[in-house]
Amino acid sequence: MAVLLGLLLDRNDPKDYLNMPNLAVIADGFFDAFYSNMWRDKGISMDSLSTFESYKIQDLVSQKRIAAGERILGYKVGCTSEAIRAQFGISEPILGRLFAPHVQDGGAQIDWRSYANCAIEPEMVFSIGCDVFGSDFSDQALIDAIDYVSPGIELHNYQFWHHPPSLQELICSGGIHAGLIVGHKKVSPHTLNFKHEIFSVYQDKKLITSSPASAIMGGPLESLRWLINSLASSGKGLKRGSIVIPGSPTKLIEINRDSEVQVTIENLGQVSATFVS
C-alpha cells in the first residue's frame, strides 16, 4: 500500500510549510524513538503543533520506516472509547498505520522489556475483502466489505516523551502503536452484532478487564466508518487485503512482568501471547 501523504489533513489549516524542516526534525525523533526506546533531542516542543502538522509528521515517519524496509499493512483507529480518551485526556479519535514485520500470529512470545513501557489492548481485526472508496457507508455495506474478523492483541509503547501527554504526540507516534498479534480464527462478519460482543482480557488466567463492543464509538462499525470517511476526505480509500483494527473498548493494560495474556471476544474466539523478559 502506498504511503498516504496528507492523511486526515485539514486543507483549511492556516499554517504553511515554512517550518517543514522543524517537522522533519521531529519526525526523525519519533523514528529513532520507535527503534531505540529513547528520546534523544531534548530541545523539541510539541505544544505548538497543529493536528495538520502532527499528521504530516506521522506521514514523514511512515516514509522513513518504509525506506528502512517496513511495509504498510493497514490502519488502526485509536482513542475510540471514553475509557481511553479519559486515560489520555483527549476528546477525539485518531488513526495510524499498521506495519510489517510487526504483525505476528497468535501464541507469539513477546519480550516485554524490548518495548517502552509495554501495554496491550484487545482488538477486533478486520481483513478488508474489497477496495473501499467513498463515505458514509451503511452498516450493511461496511459488513459486506469485511472478508473476515479475527481476535487480536495490540501492542503499545506506552511512553510519552513530552509532558503533559498530548493529542499531538499521539498522532505523531501513530497512536503509540508498536505491533499486533492476530488470532488464527477467521469469523464471517455477518455472524457478529458489532455492539454486544464482550471483550475480556486475562493475565495468567485472572480477569483484568472486560467491556462491550458498543464502547468503541457505539460499535466497531462506527469506527470503521470514521476511518473510511477520513480517508475519503483526502481522496484515499481502503485497499483490498488491508487490515484494520477499529479500537478497544477498554483502557490500556500495562505489561510489566512475565505472564500469559489472553484476549477473548464473545462470538469471535480468543488469542493469547506469552510475555517474557
C-alpha atoms as a PDB file:
ATOM      1  CA  MET A   1       0.000   0.000   0.000  1.00  0.00           C
ATOM      2  CA  ALA A   2       1.348   3.391  -0.937  1.00  0.00           C
ATOM      3  CA  VAL A   3       2.255   5.954   1.677  1.00  0.00           C
ATOM      4  CA  LEU A   4      -0.762   8.178   2.210  1.00  0.00           C
ATOM      5  CA  LEU A   5       0.610  11.694   2.396  1.00  0.00           C
ATOM      6  CA  GLY A   6      -1.828  14.293   3.551  1.00  0.00           C
ATOM      7  CA  LEU A   7      -3.849  11.770   5.529  1.00  0.00           C
ATOM      8  CA  LEU A   8      -6.564  13.436   7.576  1.00  0.00           C
ATOM      9  CA  LEU A   9      -5.086  16.856   6.947  1.00  0.00           C
ATOM     10  CA  ASP A  10      -7.264  19.915   7.260  1.00  0.00           C
ATOM     11  CA  ARG A  11      -6.925  21.633   3.915  1.00  0.00           C
ATOM     12  CA  ASN A  12      -8.063  24.855   5.555  1.00  0.00           C
ATOM     13  CA  ASP A  13      -5.278  24.839   8.098  1.00  0.00           C
ATOM     14  CA  PRO A  14      -3.899  28.385   8.107  1.00  0.00           C
ATOM     15  CA  LYS A  15      -0.296  27.357   8.642  1.00  0.00           C
ATOM     16  CA  ASP A  16       2.009  26.917   5.688  1.00  0.00           C
ATOM     17  CA  TYR A  17       5.093  24.737   5.326  1.00  0.00           C
ATOM     18  CA  LEU A  18       7.676  27.332   6.304  1.00  0.00           C
ATOM     19  CA  ASN A  19       8.541  25.231   9.333  1.00  0.00           C
ATOM     20  CA  MET A  20       8.717  21.926   7.446  1.00  0.00           C
ATOM     21  CA  PRO A  21      12.405  21.475   8.385  1.00  0.00           C
ATOM     22  CA  ASN A  22      11.297  21.501  12.035  1.00  0.00           C
ATOM     23  CA  LEU A  23       8.639  18.879  11.258  1.00  0.00           C
ATOM     24  CA  ALA A  24      11.330  16.728   9.664  1.00  0.00           C
ATOM     25  CA  VAL A  25      13.474  17.013  12.793  1.00  0.00           C
ATOM     26  CA  ILE A  26      10.548  15.928  14.986  1.00  0.00           C
ATOM     27  CA  ALA A  27       9.818  13.030  12.592  1.00  0.00           C
ATOM     28  CA  ASP A  28      13.454  11.936  12.930  1.00  0.00           C
ATOM     29  CA  GLY A  29      12.957  11.927  16.698  1.00  0.00           C
ATOM     30  CA  PHE A  30       9.874   9.685  16.558  1.00  0.00           C
ATOM     31  CA  PHE A  31      11.509   7.347  14.036  1.00  0.00           C
ATOM     32  CA  ASP A  32      14.562   6.971  16.266  1.00  0.00           C
ATOM     33  CA  ALA A  33      12.478   6.576  19.429  1.00  0.00           C
ATOM     34  CA  PHE A  34      10.466   3.707  17.910  1.00  0.00           C
ATOM     35  CA  TYR A  35      13.608   1.609  17.481  1.00  0.00           C
ATOM     36  CA  SER A  36      15.716   2.834  20.419  1.00  0.00           C
ATOM     37  CA  ASN A  37      13.033   3.383  23.105  1.00  0.00           C
ATOM     38  CA  MET A  38      14.751   6.699  23.836  1.00  0.00           C
ATOM     39  CA  TRP A  39      14.107  10.354  23.032  1.00  0.00           C
ATOM     40  CA  ARG A  40      17.456  11.955  22.296  1.00  0.00           C
ATOM     41  CA  ASP A  41      16.627  15.551  21.278  1.00  0.00           C
ATOM     42  CA  LYS A  42      15.563  17.425  24.410  1.00  0.00           C
ATOM     43  CA  GLY A  43      15.015  20.721  22.581  1.00  0.00           C
ATOM     44  CA  ILE A  44      11.855  19.728  20.682  1.00  0.00           C
ATOM     45  CA  SER A  45       8.476  21.109  21.759  1.00  0.00           C
ATOM     46  CA  MET A  46       5.142  19.579  20.776  1.00  0.00           C
ATOM     47  CA  ASP A  47       2.943  22.331  22.180  1.00  0.00           C
ATOM     48  CA  SER A  48       2.598  24.469  19.051  1.00  0.00           C
ATOM     49  CA  LEU A  49       1.894  21.654  16.575  1.00  0.00           C
ATOM     50  CA  SER A  50      -1.495  21.684  14.852  1.00  0.00           C
ATOM     51  CA  THR A  51      -3.397  18.495  14.016  1.00  0.00           C
ATOM     52  CA  PHE A  52      -2.393  19.148  10.388  1.00  0.00           C
ATOM     53  CA  GLU A  53       1.300  19.229  11.289  1.00  0.00           C
ATOM     54  CA  SER A  54       1.029  16.225  13.605  1.00  0.00           C
ATOM     55  CA  TYR A  55      -0.371  14.035  10.811  1.00  0.00           C
ATOM     56  CA  LYS A  56       2.301  15.382   8.465  1.00  0.00           C
ATOM     57  CA  ILE A  57       4.915  14.175  10.957  1.00  0.00           C
ATOM     58  CA  GLN A  58       3.217  10.766  11.053  1.00  0.00           C
ATOM     59  CA  ASP A  59       3.448  10.698   7.242  1.00  0.00           C
ATOM     60  CA  LEU A  60       7.161  11.520   7.364  1.00  0.00           C
ATOM     61  CA  VAL A  61       7.819   8.816   9.968  1.00  0.00           C
ATOM     62  CA  SER A  62       5.934   6.314   7.774  1.00  0.00           C
ATOM     63  CA  GLN A  63       8.114   7.227   4.799  1.00  0.00           C
ATOM     64  CA  LYS A  64      11.247   6.652   6.870  1.00  0.00           C
ATOM     65  CA  ARG A  65      10.009   3.277   8.124  1.00  0.00           C
ATOM     66  CA  ILE A  66       9.220   2.151   4.571  1.00  0.00           C
ATOM     67  CA  ALA A  67      12.685   3.268   3.473  1.00  0.00           C
ATOM     68  CA  ALA A  68      14.045   1.121   6.312  1.00  0.00           C
ATOM     69  CA  GLY A  69      12.315  -1.956   4.848  1.00  0.00           C
ATOM     70  CA  GLU A  70       8.932  -1.976   6.562  1.00  0.00           C
ATOM     71  CA  ARG A  71       5.582  -2.214   4.760  1.00  0.00           C
ATOM     72  CA  ILE A  72       2.171  -0.685   5.489  1.00  0.00           C
ATOM     73  CA  LEU A  73      -0.475  -3.369   6.050  1.00  0.00           C
ATOM     74  CA  GLY A  74      -3.429  -1.213   7.037  1.00  0.00           C
ATOM     75  CA  TYR A  75      -4.690   1.134   9.725  1.00  0.00           C
ATOM     76  CA  LYS A  76      -5.577   1.472  13.358  1.00  0.00           C
ATOM     77  CA  VAL A  77      -8.182   3.773  14.849  1.00  0.00           C
ATOM     78  CA  GLY A  78      -7.220   4.829  18.341  1.00  0.00           C
ATOM     79  CA  CYS A  79      -8.813   6.589  21.298  1.00  0.00           C
ATOM     80  CA  THR A  80     -12.238   5.286  20.302  1.00  0.00           C
ATOM     81  CA  SER A  81     -13.654   4.658  23.780  1.00  0.00           C
ATOM     82  CA  GLU A  82     -14.476   7.021  26.626  1.00  0.00           C
ATOM     83  CA  ALA A  83     -12.147   4.945  28.808  1.00  0.00           C
ATOM     84  CA  ILE A  84      -9.151   5.563  26.550  1.00  0.00           C
ATOM     85  CA  ARG A  85      -9.948   9.226  25.913  1.00  0.00           C
ATOM     86  CA  ALA A  86     -10.251   9.789  29.668  1.00  0.00           C
ATOM     87  CA  GLN A  87      -6.967   7.936  30.174  1.00  0.00           C
ATOM     88  CA  PHE A  88      -5.209  10.271  27.716  1.00  0.00           C
ATOM     89  CA  GLY A  89      -7.237  13.403  28.391  1.00  0.00           C
ATOM     90  CA  ILE A  90      -8.383  13.915  24.777  1.00  0.00           C
ATOM     91  CA  SER A  91     -11.766  14.201  23.078  1.00  0.00           C
ATOM     92  CA  GLU A  92     -11.421  12.706  19.598  1.00  0.00           C
ATOM     93  CA  PRO A  93     -10.218   9.509  17.870  1.00  0.00           C
ATOM     94  CA  ILE A  94      -7.002   9.335  15.876  1.00  0.00           C
ATOM     95  CA  LEU A  95      -5.584   6.992  13.273  1.00  0.00           C
ATOM     96  CA  GLY A  96      -2.248   5.429  12.496  1.00  0.00           C
ATOM     97  CA  ARG A  97      -0.745   2.762  10.261  1.00  0.00           C
ATOM     98  CA  LEU A  98      -0.011  -0.921  10.840  1.00  0.00           C
ATOM     99  CA  PHE A  99       3.377  -2.140   9.635  1.00  0.00           C
ATOM    100  CA  ALA A 100       5.034  -5.415   8.712  1.00  0.00           C
ATOM    101  CA  PRO A 101       7.016  -7.045  10.239  1.00  0.00           C
ATOM    102  CA  HIS A 102       5.268  -6.014  13.457  1.00  0.00           C
ATOM    103  CA  VAL A 103       2.167  -8.171  12.938  1.00  0.00           C
ATOM    104  CA  GLN A 104       2.501 -11.669  14.442  1.00  0.00           C
ATOM    105  CA  ASP A 105       0.373 -14.779  14.795  1.00  0.00           C
ATOM    106  CA  GLY A 106      -1.395 -15.754  17.998  1.00  0.00           C
ATOM    107  CA  GLY A 107       0.713 -17.657  20.522  1.00  0.00           C
ATOM    108  CA  ALA A 108       3.696 -15.364  19.929  1.00  0.00           C
ATOM    109  CA  GLN A 109       6.344 -14.934  22.614  1.00  0.00           C
ATOM    110  CA  ILE A 110       6.936 -11.249  23.308  1.00  0.00           C
ATOM    111  CA  ASP A 111       9.895  -9.697  25.138  1.00  0.00           C
ATOM    112  CA  TRP A 112       8.022  -7.034  27.082  1.00  0.00           C
ATOM    113  CA  ARG A 113      11.274  -5.344  28.118  1.00  0.00           C
ATOM    114  CA  SER A 114      12.044  -4.532  24.473  1.00  0.00           C
ATOM    115  CA  TYR A 115       9.166  -2.018  24.441  1.00  0.00           C
ATOM    116  CA  ALA A 116       8.997   1.427  26.007  1.00  0.00           C
ATOM    117  CA  ASN A 117       6.571   0.562  28.820  1.00  0.00           C
ATOM    118  CA  CYS A 118       4.776  -2.332  27.119  1.00  0.00           C
ATOM    119  CA  ALA A 119       0.973  -2.183  27.174  1.00  0.00           C
ATOM    120  CA  ILE A 120      -1.796  -4.024  25.350  1.00  0.00           C
ATOM    121  CA  GLU A 121      -5.389  -3.625  24.208  1.00  0.00           C
ATOM    122  CA  PRO A 122      -7.941  -6.181  22.972  1.00  0.00           C
ATOM    123  CA  GLU A 123      -8.940  -5.667  19.351  1.00  0.00           C
ATOM    124  CA  MET A 124     -11.162  -6.979  16.605  1.00  0.00           C
ATOM    125  CA  VAL A 125      -9.039  -7.359  13.460  1.00  0.00           C
ATOM    126  CA  PHE A 126     -10.857  -6.680  10.183  1.00  0.00           C
ATOM    127  CA  SER A 127      -9.494  -8.138   6.952  1.00  0.00           C
ATOM    128  CA  ILE A 128     -10.859  -5.966   4.141  1.00  0.00           C
ATOM    129  CA  GLY A 129     -12.192  -8.017   1.219  1.00  0.00           C
ATOM    130  CA  CYS A 130     -12.618  -5.334  -1.461  1.00  0.00           C
ATOM    131  CA  ASP A 131     -11.463  -1.844  -2.383  1.00  0.00           C
ATOM    132  CA  VAL A 132     -13.489   0.717  -0.414  1.00  0.00           C
ATOM    133  CA  PHE A 133     -13.702   4.302  -1.677  1.00  0.00           C
ATOM    134  CA  GLY A 134     -16.316   6.833  -0.666  1.00  0.00           C
ATOM    135  CA  SER A 135     -18.009   7.957   2.515  1.00  0.00           C
ATOM    136  CA  ASP A 136     -20.978   7.416   4.810  1.00  0.00           C
ATOM    137  CA  PHE A 137     -21.417   3.735   4.008  1.00  0.00           C
ATOM    138  CA  SER A 138     -24.312   1.887   5.638  1.00  0.00           C
ATOM    139  CA  ASP A 139     -23.638  -0.751   8.285  1.00  0.00           C
ATOM    140  CA  GLN A 140     -24.526  -3.461   5.772  1.00  0.00           C
ATOM    141  CA  ALA A 141     -22.096  -2.070   3.182  1.00  0.00           C
ATOM    142  CA  LEU A 142     -19.327  -1.986   5.795  1.00  0.00           C
ATOM    143  CA  ILE A 143     -20.054  -5.580   6.829  1.00  0.00           C
ATOM    144  CA  ASP A 144     -20.022  -6.660   3.174  1.00  0.00           C
ATOM    145  CA  ALA A 145     -16.597  -5.001   2.731  1.00  0.00           C
ATOM    146  CA  ILE A 146     -15.061  -7.121   5.523  1.00  0.00           C
ATOM    147  CA  ASP A 147     -13.774 -10.526   4.430  1.00  0.00           C
ATOM    148  CA  TYR A 148     -13.380 -11.907   7.959  1.00  0.00           C
ATOM    149  CA  VAL A 149     -12.760 -10.847  11.553  1.00  0.00           C
ATOM    150  CA  SER A 150     -10.155 -12.231  13.974  1.00  0.00           C
ATOM    151  CA  PRO A 151      -9.369 -11.564  17.639  1.00  0.00           C
ATOM    152  CA  GLY A 152      -6.246  -9.520  18.259  1.00  0.00           C
ATOM    153  CA  ILE A 153      -3.903  -8.036  20.830  1.00  0.00           C
ATOM    154  CA  GLU A 154      -2.486  -4.611  20.029  1.00  0.00           C
ATOM    155  CA  LEU A 155       0.974  -3.844  21.444  1.00  0.00           C
ATOM    156  CA  HIS A 156       1.934  -0.340  22.550  1.00  0.00           C
ATOM    157  CA  ASN A 157       4.953   1.664  23.568  1.00  0.00           C
ATOM    158  CA  TYR A 158       3.021   3.325  26.377  1.00  0.00           C
ATOM    159  CA  GLN A 159       5.553   6.100  26.768  1.00  0.00           C
ATOM    160  CA  PHE A 160       5.039   9.809  26.223  1.00  0.00           C
ATOM    161  CA  TRP A 161       8.331  11.567  25.651  1.00  0.00           C
ATOM    162  CA  HIS A 162       6.827  15.021  26.133  1.00  0.00           C
ATOM    163  CA  HIS A 163       4.712  16.142  29.071  1.00  0.00           C
ATOM    164  CA  PRO A 164       1.907  16.528  29.579  1.00  0.00           C
ATOM    165  CA  PRO A 165       0.684  13.776  27.201  1.00  0.00           C
ATOM    166  CA  SER A 166      -0.947  15.372  24.174  1.00  0.00           C
ATOM    167  CA  LEU A 167      -3.068  14.644  21.132  1.00  0.00           C
ATOM    168  CA  GLN A 168      -0.152  15.889  19.020  1.00  0.00           C
ATOM    169  CA  GLU A 169       2.222  13.241  20.339  1.00  0.00           C
ATOM    170  CA  LEU A 170      -0.400  10.514  19.990  1.00  0.00           C
ATOM    171  CA  ILE A 171      -0.838  11.394  16.313  1.00  0.00           C
ATOM    172  CA  CYS A 172       2.890  11.775  15.596  1.00  0.00           C
ATOM    173  CA  SER A 173       3.585   8.350  17.118  1.00  0.00           C
ATOM    174  CA  GLY A 174       0.779   6.663  15.188  1.00  0.00           C
ATOM    175  CA  GLY A 175      -1.213   6.141  18.380  1.00  0.00           C
ATOM    176  CA  ILE A 176       1.817   4.799  20.332  1.00  0.00           C
ATOM    177  CA  HIS A 177       1.249   1.651  18.271  1.00  0.00           C
ATOM    178  CA  ALA A 178       4.064  -0.917  18.414  1.00  0.00           C
ATOM    179  CA  GLY A 179       2.632  -4.134  16.953  1.00  0.00           C
ATOM    180  CA  LEU A 180      -0.269  -6.540  16.600  1.00  0.00           C
ATOM    181  CA  ILE A 181      -0.892 -10.195  17.444  1.00  0.00           C
ATOM    182  CA  VAL A 182      -3.668 -11.805  15.384  1.00  0.00           C
ATOM    183  CA  GLY A 183      -5.548 -14.948  16.365  1.00  0.00           C
ATOM    184  CA  HIS A 184      -5.938 -17.838  13.940  1.00  0.00           C
ATOM    185  CA  LYS A 185      -9.739 -17.852  13.912  1.00  0.00           C
ATOM    186  CA  LYS A 186     -11.449 -16.188  10.924  1.00  0.00           C
ATOM    187  CA  VAL A 187     -15.105 -15.361  11.525  1.00  0.00           C
ATOM    188  CA  SER A 188     -17.611 -14.086   8.983  1.00  0.00           C
ATOM    189  CA  PRO A 189     -18.661 -10.503   9.823  1.00  0.00           C
ATOM    190  CA  HIS A 190     -22.246 -11.495   9.016  1.00  0.00           C
ATOM    191  CA  THR A 191     -22.355 -13.585  12.218  1.00  0.00           C
ATOM    192  CA  LEU A 192     -21.399 -10.687  14.521  1.00  0.00           C
ATOM    193  CA  ASN A 193     -23.527  -7.996  16.122  1.00  0.00           C
ATOM    194  CA  PHE A 194     -20.690  -5.417  16.473  1.00  0.00           C
ATOM    195  CA  LYS A 195     -22.294  -3.952  19.591  1.00  0.00           C
ATOM    196  CA  HIS A 196     -22.924  -6.615  22.237  1.00  0.00           C
ATOM    197  CA  GLU A 197     -19.765  -8.758  21.989  1.00  0.00           C
ATOM    198  CA  ILE A 198     -17.865  -8.661  25.286  1.00  0.00           C
ATOM    199  CA  PHE A 199     -14.094  -8.079  25.140  1.00  0.00           C
ATOM    200  CA  SER A 200     -12.261  -9.703  28.073  1.00  0.00           C
ATOM    201  CA  VAL A 201      -8.571  -9.603  28.980  1.00  0.00           C
ATOM    202  CA  TYR A 202      -6.981 -12.231  31.224  1.00  0.00           C
ATOM    203  CA  GLN A 203      -3.473 -12.177  32.661  1.00  0.00           C
ATOM    204  CA  ASP A 204      -2.314 -15.552  33.997  1.00  0.00           C
ATOM    205  CA  LYS A 205      -5.954 -16.666  33.831  1.00  0.00           C
ATOM    206  CA  LYS A 206      -7.132 -13.786  36.045  1.00  0.00           C
ATOM    207  CA  LEU A 207      -9.731 -11.455  34.533  1.00  0.00           C
ATOM    208  CA  ILE A 208      -8.217  -7.962  34.292  1.00  0.00           C
ATOM    209  CA  THR A 209     -10.948  -6.063  32.465  1.00  0.00           C
ATOM    210  CA  SER A 210     -13.946  -6.512  30.194  1.00  0.00           C
ATOM    211  CA  SER A 211     -16.188  -4.210  28.172  1.00  0.00           C
ATOM    212  CA  PRO A 212     -18.739  -4.454  25.332  1.00  0.00           C
ATOM    213  CA  ALA A 213     -18.058  -3.638  21.688  1.00  0.00           C
ATOM    214  CA  SER A 214     -20.537  -0.764  21.926  1.00  0.00           C
ATOM    215  CA  ALA A 215     -17.941   1.166  23.959  1.00  0.00           C
ATOM    216  CA  ILE A 216     -15.992   1.584  20.699  1.00  0.00           C
ATOM    217  CA  MET A 217     -17.714   4.727  19.378  1.00  0.00           C
ATOM    218  CA  GLY A 218     -21.070   2.943  19.690  1.00  0.00           C
ATOM    219  CA  GLY A 219     -19.637  -0.108  17.895  1.00  0.00           C
ATOM    220  CA  PRO A 220     -16.590  -1.009  15.763  1.00  0.00           C
ATOM    221  CA  LEU A 221     -18.517  -0.353  12.554  1.00  0.00           C
ATOM    222  CA  GLU A 222     -18.784   3.304  13.602  1.00  0.00           C
ATOM    223  CA  SER A 223     -15.008   3.363  13.958  1.00  0.00           C
ATOM    224  CA  LEU A 224     -14.536   1.759  10.533  1.00  0.00           C
ATOM    225  CA  ARG A 225     -16.936   4.308   9.023  1.00  0.00           C
ATOM    226  CA  TRP A 226     -14.941   7.138  10.655  1.00  0.00           C
ATOM    227  CA  LEU A 227     -11.735   5.766   9.150  1.00  0.00           C
ATOM    228  CA  ILE A 228     -13.201   5.428   5.643  1.00  0.00           C
ATOM    229  CA  ASN A 229     -14.712   8.922   5.815  1.00  0.00           C
ATOM    230  CA  SER A 230     -11.380  10.325   6.980  1.00  0.00           C
ATOM    231  CA  LEU A 231      -9.523   8.657   4.118  1.00  0.00           C
ATOM    232  CA  ALA A 232     -12.132   9.873   1.637  1.00  0.00           C
ATOM    233  CA  SER A 233     -11.639  13.462   2.834  1.00  0.00           C
ATOM    234  CA  SER A 234      -8.129  13.323   1.370  1.00  0.00           C
ATOM    235  CA  GLY A 235      -9.090  11.365  -1.759  1.00  0.00           C
ATOM    236  CA  LYS A 236      -7.986   7.985  -0.388  1.00  0.00           C
ATOM    237  CA  GLY A 237      -9.638   4.665   0.381  1.00  0.00           C
ATOM    238  CA  LEU A 238      -9.079   1.210   1.836  1.00  0.00           C
ATOM    239  CA  LYS A 239      -7.422  -1.341  -0.404  1.00  0.00           C
ATOM    240  CA  ARG A 240      -8.460  -4.980  -0.638  1.00  0.00           C
ATOM    241  CA  GLY A 241      -6.260  -7.038   1.652  1.00  0.00           C
ATOM    242  CA  SER A 242      -5.764  -4.236   4.182  1.00  0.00           C
ATOM    243  CA  ILE A 243      -6.208  -4.976   7.845  1.00  0.00           C
ATOM    244  CA  VAL A 244      -7.940  -2.571  10.206  1.00  0.00           C
ATOM    245  CA  ILE A 245      -8.140  -2.543  13.981  1.00  0.00           C
ATOM    246  CA  PRO A 246     -11.066  -0.299  14.936  1.00  0.00           C
ATOM    247  CA  GLY A 247     -10.116   0.351  18.546  1.00  0.00           C
ATOM    248  CA  SER A 248     -10.521  -1.091  22.008  1.00  0.00           C
ATOM    249  CA  PRO A 249     -13.407  -0.717  24.468  1.00  0.00           C
ATOM    250  CA  THR A 250     -11.020  -0.959  27.443  1.00  0.00           C
ATOM    251  CA  LYS A 251      -8.152   1.051  28.865  1.00  0.00           C
ATOM    252  CA  LEU A 252      -4.576   0.152  28.019  1.00  0.00           C
ATOM    253  CA  ILE A 253      -3.183  -2.588  30.256  1.00  0.00           C
ATOM    254  CA  GLU A 254       0.487  -2.315  31.166  1.00  0.00           C
ATOM    255  CA  ILE A 255       2.579  -5.486  30.964  1.00  0.00           C
ATOM    256  CA  ASN A 256       5.433  -5.196  33.458  1.00  0.00           C
ATOM    257  CA  ARG A 257       6.114  -8.817  34.395  1.00  0.00           C
ATOM    258  CA  ASP A 258       6.421 -12.212  32.769  1.00  0.00           C
ATOM    259  CA  SER A 259       2.918 -13.533  32.182  1.00  0.00           C
ATOM    260  CA  GLU A 260       0.482 -15.084  29.762  1.00  0.00           C
ATOM    261  CA  VAL A 261      -2.138 -12.743  28.325  1.00  0.00           C
ATOM    262  CA  GLN A 262      -5.340 -13.957  26.709  1.00  0.00           C
ATOM    263  CA  VAL A 263      -7.937 -11.839  24.933  1.00  0.00           C
ATOM    264  CA  THR A 264     -11.386 -13.360  24.485  1.00  0.00           C
ATOM    265  CA  ILE A 265     -14.061 -11.706  22.346  1.00  0.00           C
ATOM    266  CA  GLU A 266     -17.567 -13.143  22.515  1.00  0.00           C
ATOM    267  CA  ASN A 267     -18.602 -14.952  19.301  1.00  0.00           C
ATOM    268  CA  LEU A 268     -15.114 -14.367  17.890  1.00  0.00           C
ATOM    269  CA  GLY A 269     -12.797 -16.537  19.952  1.00  0.00           C
ATOM    270  CA  GLN A 270      -9.522 -15.935  21.742  1.00  0.00           C
ATOM    271  CA  VAL A 271      -5.902 -15.058  21.083  1.00  0.00           C
ATOM    272  CA  SER A 272      -3.019 -15.325  23.508  1.00  0.00           C
ATOM    273  CA  ALA A 273       0.614 -14.311  23.849  1.00  0.00           C
ATOM    274  CA  THR A 274       3.353 -15.088  26.331  1.00  0.00           C
ATOM    275  CA  PHE A 275       5.244 -12.085  27.668  1.00  0.00           C
ATOM    276  CA  VAL A 276       8.748 -12.862  28.896  1.00  0.00           C
ATOM    277  CA  SER A 277      11.810 -10.817  29.806  1.00  0.00           C
END
